[in-house]
Amino acid sequence: MMMIILSVVVVEILTVGKYSEQPTRSGGMTLPWVLTVIFCVLQFVGVIDWSWYWLISPLWISLGLAVSIIVCILIVSVVAELVAKLLGIHLRKMVRKASPEKKE
């Protein structure tokens, strides 16, 4: 019985907004949100006995990964700019020269 309820909840979550008359901006929930809802349903039903910290772990893990990727991109861009300055290369001028200019 519990598996039937859980499967109905998961199907409803995955199809949110897909069959409505009004267009939606997103096609449904993302994987971290689906996992969080599944973990919460399992907690409420009594299948698992985890702390709330671990129940919402898909959300904070995905947020941590996104922040880590952004920080890595920023570090790489700052290092590239510093290396370019040390070598006397102006990256912006190189990009402008490489792109074809439109003459009308």
C-alpha atoms as a PDB file:
ATOM      1  CA  MET A   1       0.000   0.000   0.000  1.00  0.00           C
ATOM      2  CA  MET A   2       2.800   2.393   0.921  1.00  0.00           C
ATOM      3  CA  MET A   3       4.619   1.769  -2.374  1.00  0.00           C
ATOM      4  CA  ILE A   4       1.453   2.609  -4.307  1.00  0.00           C
ATOM      5  CA  ILE A   5       1.068   5.907  -2.461  1.00  0.00           C
ATOM      6  CA  LEU A   6       4.734   6.717  -2.973  1.00  0.00           C
ATOM      7  CA  SER A   7       4.589   5.915  -6.689  1.00  0.00           C
ATOM      8  CA  VAL A   8       1.485   8.107  -7.126  1.00  0.00           C
ATOM      9  CA  VAL A   9       3.253  10.988  -5.355  1.00  0.00           C
ATOM     10  CA  VAL A  10       6.341  10.601  -7.549  1.00  0.00           C
ATOM     11  CA  VAL A  11       4.255  10.494 -10.754  1.00  0.00           C
ATOM     12  CA  GLU A  12       2.381  13.633  -9.675  1.00  0.00           C
ATOM     13  CA  ILE A  13       5.639  15.427  -8.920  1.00  0.00           C
ATOM     14  CA  LEU A  14       7.206  14.514 -12.246  1.00  0.00           C
ATOM     15  CA  THR A  15       4.177  15.553 -14.292  1.00  0.00           C
ATOM     16  CA  VAL A  16       3.500  18.918 -12.613  1.00  0.00           C
ATOM     17  CA  GLY A  17       2.534  21.407 -15.304  1.00  0.00           C
ATOM     18  CA  LYS A  18       2.931  19.011 -18.232  1.00  0.00           C
ATOM     19  CA  TYR A  19      -0.759  18.491 -18.910  1.00  0.00           C
ATOM     20  CA  SER A  20      -2.213  21.840 -17.872  1.00  0.00           C
ATOM     21  CA  GLU A  21      -3.813  24.285 -20.278  1.00  0.00           C
ATOM     22  CA  GLN A  22      -1.485  27.137 -19.360  1.00  0.00           C
ATOM     23  CA  PRO A  23       2.130  26.909 -20.499  1.00  0.00           C
ATOM     24  CA  THR A  24       4.671  26.671 -17.722  1.00  0.00           C
ATOM     25  CA  ARG A  25       8.260  27.840 -17.669  1.00  0.00           C
ATOM     26  CA  SER A  26       9.679  24.575 -16.377  1.00  0.00           C
ATOM     27  CA  GLY A  27       8.904  21.011 -17.290  1.00  0.00           C
ATOM     28  CA  GLY A  28       8.604  19.828 -13.707  1.00  0.00           C
ATOM     29  CA  MET A  29      10.774  19.485 -10.659  1.00  0.00           C
ATOM     30  CA  THR A  30      14.504  18.928 -10.731  1.00  0.00           C
ATOM     31  CA  LEU A  31      16.119  15.765  -9.399  1.00  0.00           C
ATOM     32  CA  PRO A  32      17.202  17.243  -6.028  1.00  0.00           C
ATOM     33  CA  TRP A  33      13.638  18.407  -5.324  1.00  0.00           C
ATOM     34  CA  VAL A  34      12.185  15.037  -6.312  1.00  0.00           C
ATOM     35  CA  LEU A  35      14.649  13.215  -4.058  1.00  0.00           C
ATOM     36  CA  THR A  36      13.863  15.576  -1.179  1.00  0.00           C
ATOM     37  CA  VAL A  37      10.126  14.979  -1.532  1.00  0.00           C
ATOM     38  CA  ILE A  38      10.667  11.216  -1.738  1.00  0.00           C
ATOM     39  CA  PHE A  39      12.847  11.281   1.384  1.00  0.00           C
ATOM     40  CA  CYS A  40      10.253  13.365   3.257  1.00  0.00           C
ATOM     41  CA  VAL A  41       7.414  11.020   2.257  1.00  0.00           C
ATOM     42  CA  LEU A  42       9.473   8.022   3.378  1.00  0.00           C
ATOM     43  CA  GLN A  43      10.208   9.816   6.669  1.00  0.00           C
ATOM     44  CA  PHE A  44       6.530  10.618   7.281  1.00  0.00           C
ATOM     45  CA  VAL A  45       5.439   7.074   6.454  1.00  0.00           C
ATOM     46  CA  GLY A  46       8.072   5.681   8.804  1.00  0.00           C
ATOM     47  CA  VAL A  47      10.229   3.750   6.367  1.00  0.00           C
ATOM     48  CA  ILE A  48      13.376   5.711   7.181  1.00  0.00           C
ATOM     49  CA  ASP A  49      14.459   7.429  10.375  1.00  0.00           C
ATOM     50  CA  TRP A  50      16.896  10.088   9.215  1.00  0.00           C
ATOM     51  CA  SER A  51      17.548  13.525  10.628  1.00  0.00           C
ATOM     52  CA  TRP A  52      16.166  16.515   8.740  1.00  0.00           C
ATOM     53  CA  TYR A  53      19.717  17.443   7.847  1.00  0.00           C
ATOM     54  CA  TRP A  54      19.954  14.341   5.655  1.00  0.00           C
ATOM     55  CA  LEU A  55      16.386  14.579   4.379  1.00  0.00           C
ATOM     56  CA  ILE A  56      17.168  17.877   2.666  1.00  0.00           C
ATOM     57  CA  SER A  57      20.682  16.819   1.666  1.00  0.00           C
ATOM     58  CA  PRO A  58      19.896  16.690  -2.085  1.00  0.00           C
ATOM     59  CA  LEU A  59      19.151  20.420  -1.933  1.00  0.00           C
ATOM     60  CA  TRP A  60      22.271  21.530  -0.092  1.00  0.00           C
ATOM     61  CA  ILE A  61      24.521  19.125  -2.003  1.00  0.00           C
ATOM     62  CA  SER A  62      23.330  20.488  -5.364  1.00  0.00           C
ATOM     63  CA  LEU A  63      23.664  24.062  -4.088  1.00  0.00           C
ATOM     64  CA  GLY A  64      27.200  23.305  -2.903  1.00  0.00           C
ATOM     65  CA  LEU A  65      28.128  21.841  -6.287  1.00  0.00           C
ATOM     66  CA  ALA A  66      26.746  24.872  -8.122  1.00  0.00           C
ATOM     67  CA  VAL A  67      28.629  27.295  -5.865  1.00  0.00           C
ATOM     68  CA  SER A  68      31.831  25.247  -6.251  1.00  0.00           C
ATOM     69  CA  ILE A  69      31.577  25.343 -10.044  1.00  0.00           C
ATOM     70  CA  ILE A  70      31.010  29.113 -10.028  1.00  0.00           C
ATOM     71  CA  VAL A  71      33.959  29.668  -7.690  1.00  0.00           C
ATOM     72  CA  CYS A  72      36.215  27.500  -9.879  1.00  0.00           C
ATOM     73  CA  ILE A  73      35.210  29.456 -12.992  1.00  0.00           C
ATOM     74  CA  LEU A  74      35.928  32.744 -11.225  1.00  0.00           C
ATOM     75  CA  ILE A  75      39.322  31.531 -10.011  1.00  0.00           C
ATOM     76  CA  VAL A  76      40.305  30.338 -13.493  1.00  0.00           C
ATOM     77  CA  SER A  77      39.272  33.649 -15.066  1.00  0.00           C
ATOM     78  CA  VAL A  78      41.184  35.691 -12.473  1.00  0.00           C
ATOM     79  CA  VAL A  79      44.306  33.534 -12.881  1.00  0.00           C
ATOM     80  CA  ALA A  80      44.083  33.801 -16.680  1.00  0.00           C
ATOM     81  CA  GLU A  81      43.814  37.590 -16.447  1.00  0.00           C
ATOM     82  CA  LEU A  82      46.793  37.781 -14.064  1.00  0.00           C
ATOM     83  CA  VAL A  83      48.928  35.568 -16.281  1.00  0.00           C
ATOM     84  CA  ALA A  84      47.969  37.660 -19.289  1.00  0.00           C
ATOM     85  CA  LYS A  85      48.979  40.845 -17.463  1.00  0.00           C
ATOM     86  CA  LEU A  86      52.283  39.334 -16.408  1.00  0.00           C
ATOM     87  CA  LEU A  87      53.045  38.289 -19.977  1.00  0.00           C
ATOM     88  CA  GLY A  88      51.912  41.626 -21.362  1.00  0.00           C
ATOM     89  CA  ILE A  89      49.129  40.131 -23.400  1.00  0.00           C
ATOM     90  CA  HIS A  90      45.884  41.997 -23.619  1.00  0.00           C
ATOM     91  CA  LEU A  91      43.226  39.300 -23.907  1.00  0.00           C
ATOM     92  CA  ARG A  92      40.451  41.704 -24.789  1.00  0.00           C
ATOM     93  CA  LYS A  93      42.430  43.123 -27.702  1.00  0.00           C
ATOM     94  CA  MET A  94      43.161  39.606 -28.935  1.00  0.00           C
ATOM     95  CA  VAL A  95      39.481  38.730 -28.827  1.00  0.00           C
ATOM     96  CA  ARG A  96      38.566  41.887 -30.738  1.00  0.00           C
ATOM     97  CA  LYS A  97      41.187  41.170 -33.404  1.00  0.00           C
ATOM     98  CA  ALA A  98      40.023  37.578 -33.772  1.00  0.00           C
ATOM     99  CA  SER A  99      36.371  38.498 -34.260  1.00  0.00           C
ATOM    100  CA  PRO A 100      35.494  39.757 -37.734  1.00  0.00           C
ATOM    101  CA  GLU A 101      34.212  43.304 -37.775  1.00  0.00           C
ATOM    102  CA  LYS A 102      31.124  44.157 -39.741  1.00  0.00           C
ATOM    103  CA  LYS A 103      31.640  46.883 -42.308  1.00  0.00           C
ATOM    104  CA  GLU A 104      28.583  48.460 -43.806  1.00  0.00           C
END
